[in-house]
Amino acid sequence: MKPRLQTLETRSKSKPRGIYPKGFSGIKMKIVVLPVGEVDRRFLNEIQRGLSEVFPRSVCSISGYVLSLSSEAYSPSRRQYKSDIILSEILDLTKRTKGEADRLYRVLGVTEVDLYVPSMNFIFGQAQCPGKAALISLHRLRQEFYGEPSDDKLFYERAVKEAVHEIGHSLGLEHCPNPLCAMHFSLHIGMTDRKHQKFCEKCGAKLSLLC
C-alpha cells in the first residue's frame, strides 16, 4: 500500500516573532516531518514547533507514516547509513503524494541513525538544493554522544537548527559565511551551538527572491 504523507496528524501555526530580516515576511510552505526508522514522538513535536516558529506562515505537520531504514543504505564497516540513499527514498515518497505538484511542499526526514556521505566522516543532515526532500540525523546532537550529561533543551535547539538549515537548502540557499546564520556549515557540534535558528539578513533577502 502506498504511504500517504498528505494525511496530516497535527498542524501547528504560530505568529511571526520578529526573527526575520527587514522586508522578509516569511515563506508560505507545507512542511511534513517524516520519521525515518523509530523516532520518539516528543522529538518530532519539538522539531515541528521550531519550524513553525522560524517559518510562521507555513503549515508544519508530522507524518503518520514511518519510512523504514533501508538495509541498502547501511555500511557495516562504518556502522553508519549513507544519506544519499535515504534522501532518494524520501524524494520517492513526495512523488506519491499530492504535494508533488506544490512548488513549496517539503518533506523533512528525521532519523536517529548516524549519517555519512563518502567524502565525509559524518553529516548532521542533507537536502536537495533546491528540491522537496531533506534529512537530518539526531545521532550526534545529544550531549551524551560527547560524554556529557543529558540536556534536552540543548538537544532540541540543535535539532531545530539542523532542520532549518536543511529546509533552507531545499529552498535553494547555499552555505553562508556568517557563523551565526542558520545556513552556516557545521563541521562539528560547537559550530551548531554557535549559530542561530534564524537566517541572517542576506539569506533572508535571498529567500525573498527565490520564493
Protein backbone atom coordinates (compact mmCIF):
# COMPACT_ATOMS: atom_id res chain seq x y z
CA MET A 1 0.00 0.00 0.00
CA LYS A 2 1.35 3.41 -0.89
CA PRO A 3 2.13 5.70 2.06
CA ARG A 4 0.03 8.83 2.41
CA LEU A 5 2.23 11.70 3.54
CA GLN A 6 -0.59 14.10 2.74
CA THR A 7 -2.51 12.80 5.78
CA LEU A 8 -1.52 15.27 8.45
CA GLU A 9 -1.72 14.17 12.06
CA THR A 10 -1.05 17.53 13.68
CA ARG A 11 -0.71 21.04 12.41
CA SER A 12 0.98 23.96 14.08
CA LYS A 13 0.87 27.63 13.19
CA SER A 14 2.45 30.46 15.12
CA LYS A 15 2.52 34.20 14.68
CA PRO A 16 5.69 35.93 13.47
CA ARG A 17 8.06 36.75 16.31
CA GLY A 18 10.22 39.35 14.63
CA ILE A 19 13.04 36.96 13.78
CA TYR A 20 13.17 37.77 10.08
CA PRO A 21 15.29 40.47 8.42
CA LYS A 22 13.58 43.67 7.38
CA GLY A 23 11.46 43.12 4.29
CA PHE A 24 11.22 39.36 4.75
CA SER A 25 7.73 38.27 5.77
CA GLY A 26 8.37 34.55 5.69
CA ILE A 27 7.55 31.78 3.25
CA LYS A 28 4.22 30.01 3.00
CA MET A 29 5.15 26.34 2.77
CA LYS A 30 3.79 22.94 3.60
CA ILE A 31 6.38 21.03 5.61
CA VAL A 32 5.90 17.38 6.55
CA VAL A 33 8.18 15.96 9.25
CA LEU A 34 8.74 12.30 8.41
CA PRO A 35 10.18 9.81 10.92
CA VAL A 36 12.82 7.58 9.31
CA GLY A 37 13.08 4.50 11.47
CA GLU A 38 12.00 4.68 15.11
CA VAL A 39 11.98 8.27 16.42
CA ASP A 40 10.47 9.46 19.70
CA ARG A 41 7.32 11.48 19.07
CA ARG A 42 8.48 14.14 21.55
CA PHE A 43 11.46 14.94 19.34
CA LEU A 44 9.28 15.24 16.27
CA ASN A 45 6.94 17.58 18.16
CA GLU A 46 9.83 19.87 19.11
CA ILE A 47 11.10 19.99 15.54
CA GLN A 48 7.59 20.74 14.30
CA ARG A 49 7.24 23.53 16.84
CA GLY A 50 10.63 25.02 15.95
CA LEU A 51 9.97 25.00 12.22
CA SER A 52 6.59 26.63 12.77
CA GLU A 53 8.32 29.48 14.63
CA VAL A 54 11.02 30.02 12.02
CA PHE A 55 8.54 29.72 9.12
CA PRO A 56 5.43 31.27 10.74
CA ARG A 57 3.36 31.43 7.54
CA SER A 58 3.83 27.73 6.88
CA VAL A 59 1.82 24.69 7.88
CA CYS A 60 4.07 22.13 9.52
CA SER A 61 2.82 18.62 10.25
CA ILE A 62 4.10 15.23 11.40
CA SER A 63 3.52 12.31 9.06
CA GLY A 64 1.66 9.28 10.33
CA TYR A 65 3.85 7.15 8.07
CA VAL A 66 7.27 5.87 9.17
CA LEU A 67 9.86 5.34 6.47
CA SER A 68 11.78 2.15 7.19
CA LEU A 69 15.56 2.32 7.25
CA SER A 70 16.97 0.75 4.12
CA SER A 71 19.43 -2.10 4.59
CA GLU A 72 20.99 -0.94 1.32
CA ALA A 73 21.96 2.33 2.97
CA TYR A 74 23.79 0.69 5.88
CA SER A 75 27.58 0.38 5.81
CA PRO A 76 28.74 -2.39 8.20
CA SER A 77 32.34 -1.19 8.06
CA ARG A 78 31.37 2.36 9.08
CA ARG A 79 28.34 1.42 11.18
CA GLN A 80 26.58 4.37 9.55
CA TYR A 81 23.87 4.92 6.96
CA LYS A 82 24.56 6.50 3.59
CA SER A 83 22.50 9.66 3.49
CA ASP A 84 22.12 9.82 -0.30
CA ILE A 85 20.11 6.60 -0.39
CA ILE A 86 17.70 7.65 2.36
CA LEU A 87 17.26 11.09 0.80
CA SER A 88 16.39 9.45 -2.51
CA GLU A 89 13.74 7.32 -0.77
CA ILE A 90 12.24 10.45 0.81
CA LEU A 91 12.08 12.06 -2.61
CA ASP A 92 10.32 8.99 -3.99
CA LEU A 93 7.66 9.39 -1.30
CA THR A 94 7.00 13.01 -2.27
CA LYS A 95 6.21 11.82 -5.79
CA ARG A 96 3.40 9.64 -4.42
CA THR A 97 1.64 12.49 -2.66
CA LYS A 98 -0.46 15.49 -3.53
CA GLY A 99 2.49 17.67 -2.60
CA GLU A 100 4.45 16.72 -5.71
CA ALA A 101 2.75 19.45 -7.72
CA ASP A 102 3.14 22.05 -4.96
CA ARG A 103 6.25 24.17 -5.51
CA LEU A 104 6.64 24.90 -1.79
CA TYR A 105 5.95 21.42 -0.43
CA ARG A 106 8.82 19.92 1.60
CA VAL A 107 9.39 16.61 3.40
CA LEU A 108 11.96 16.60 6.19
CA GLY A 109 13.11 13.16 7.23
CA VAL A 110 14.25 12.78 10.84
CA THR A 111 16.30 9.77 11.91
CA GLU A 112 18.18 8.53 14.95
CA VAL A 113 20.92 6.79 12.97
CA ASP A 114 24.35 8.21 12.15
CA LEU A 115 24.62 9.51 8.58
CA TYR A 116 27.51 9.89 6.18
CA VAL A 117 28.41 10.74 2.62
CA PRO A 118 31.51 9.18 1.05
CA SER A 119 33.55 12.39 1.25
CA MET A 120 32.95 13.00 4.98
CA ASN A 121 33.20 11.10 8.27
CA PHE A 122 29.63 12.10 9.17
CA ILE A 123 26.96 14.66 8.40
CA PHE A 124 24.22 16.23 10.51
CA GLY A 125 21.89 16.31 7.53
CA GLN A 126 21.44 16.62 3.80
CA ALA A 127 18.93 18.10 1.35
CA GLN A 128 18.23 18.65 -2.29
CA CYS A 129 19.32 22.16 -3.17
CA PRO A 130 16.77 23.08 -4.30
CA GLY A 131 14.21 20.32 -4.01
CA LYS A 132 11.45 18.79 -1.94
CA ALA A 133 13.44 16.31 0.19
CA ALA A 134 15.60 16.95 3.25
CA LEU A 135 17.00 14.81 6.05
CA ILE A 136 18.57 15.31 9.49
CA SER A 137 20.15 12.93 11.99
CA LEU A 138 19.67 13.26 15.74
CA HIS A 139 22.52 10.85 16.46
CA ARG A 140 25.26 13.41 17.16
CA LEU A 141 23.02 16.15 18.59
CA ARG A 142 22.77 14.68 22.08
CA GLN A 143 25.21 15.68 24.80
CA GLU A 144 25.56 12.01 25.73
CA PHE A 145 27.29 11.36 22.41
CA TYR A 146 30.13 13.59 23.61
CA GLY A 147 30.27 12.06 27.08
CA GLU A 148 28.32 14.89 28.70
CA PRO A 149 25.16 14.79 30.87
CA SER A 150 21.84 14.80 29.05
CA ASP A 151 20.43 18.24 28.17
CA ASP A 152 17.03 18.07 26.46
CA LYS A 153 16.79 21.82 25.88
CA LEU A 154 20.14 21.93 24.08
CA PHE A 155 19.27 18.79 22.12
CA TYR A 156 16.01 20.30 20.87
CA GLU A 157 17.72 23.56 19.94
CA ARG A 158 20.30 21.68 17.91
CA ALA A 159 17.64 19.61 16.16
CA VAL A 160 15.68 22.70 15.13
CA LYS A 161 18.82 24.45 13.86
CA GLU A 162 19.72 21.49 11.67
CA ALA A 163 16.12 21.20 10.46
CA VAL A 164 16.02 24.88 9.49
CA HIS A 165 19.41 24.52 7.80
CA GLU A 166 18.28 21.65 5.59
CA ILE A 167 14.94 23.25 4.76
CA GLY A 168 16.95 26.34 3.76
CA HIS A 169 18.95 24.19 1.35
CA SER A 170 15.75 22.72 -0.07
CA LEU A 171 14.64 26.27 -0.86
CA GLY A 172 17.86 26.95 -2.76
CA LEU A 173 20.09 28.53 -0.13
CA GLU A 174 23.79 27.65 -0.15
CA HIS A 175 26.06 27.69 2.90
CA CYS A 176 26.53 31.10 4.48
CA PRO A 177 29.89 32.51 5.73
CA ASN A 178 28.15 34.19 8.68
CA PRO A 179 28.84 31.88 11.67
CA LEU A 180 25.60 33.00 13.37
CA CYS A 181 23.34 32.27 10.40
CA ALA A 182 21.29 29.07 10.30
CA MET A 183 22.83 28.37 6.89
CA HIS A 184 26.40 28.29 8.19
CA PHE A 185 28.00 24.88 7.66
CA SER A 186 28.68 22.93 10.86
CA LEU A 187 31.89 20.92 10.83
CA HIS A 188 31.31 19.99 14.47
CA ILE A 189 28.66 20.40 17.16
CA GLY A 190 30.26 23.55 18.55
CA MET A 191 29.50 25.33 15.29
CA THR A 192 25.89 24.23 15.52
CA ASP A 193 25.68 25.58 19.07
CA ARG A 194 27.11 28.92 17.99
CA LYS A 195 24.72 29.64 15.14
CA HIS A 196 21.12 30.77 15.48
CA GLN A 197 17.87 29.16 14.37
CA LYS A 198 17.14 32.10 12.09
CA PHE A 199 18.57 33.29 8.79
CA CYS A 200 20.88 36.26 8.53
CA GLU A 201 19.78 39.35 6.62
CA LYS A 202 21.49 38.30 3.41
CA CYS A 203 20.00 34.78 3.41
CA GLY A 204 16.58 36.17 4.28
CA ALA A 205 16.82 38.53 1.33
CA LYS A 206 17.84 35.64 -0.95
CA LEU A 207 14.83 33.63 0.20
CA SER A 208 12.55 36.51 -0.66
CA LEU A 209 13.91 36.39 -4.22
CA LEU A 210 13.98 32.60 -4.52
CA CYS A 211 10.44 32.13 -3.26
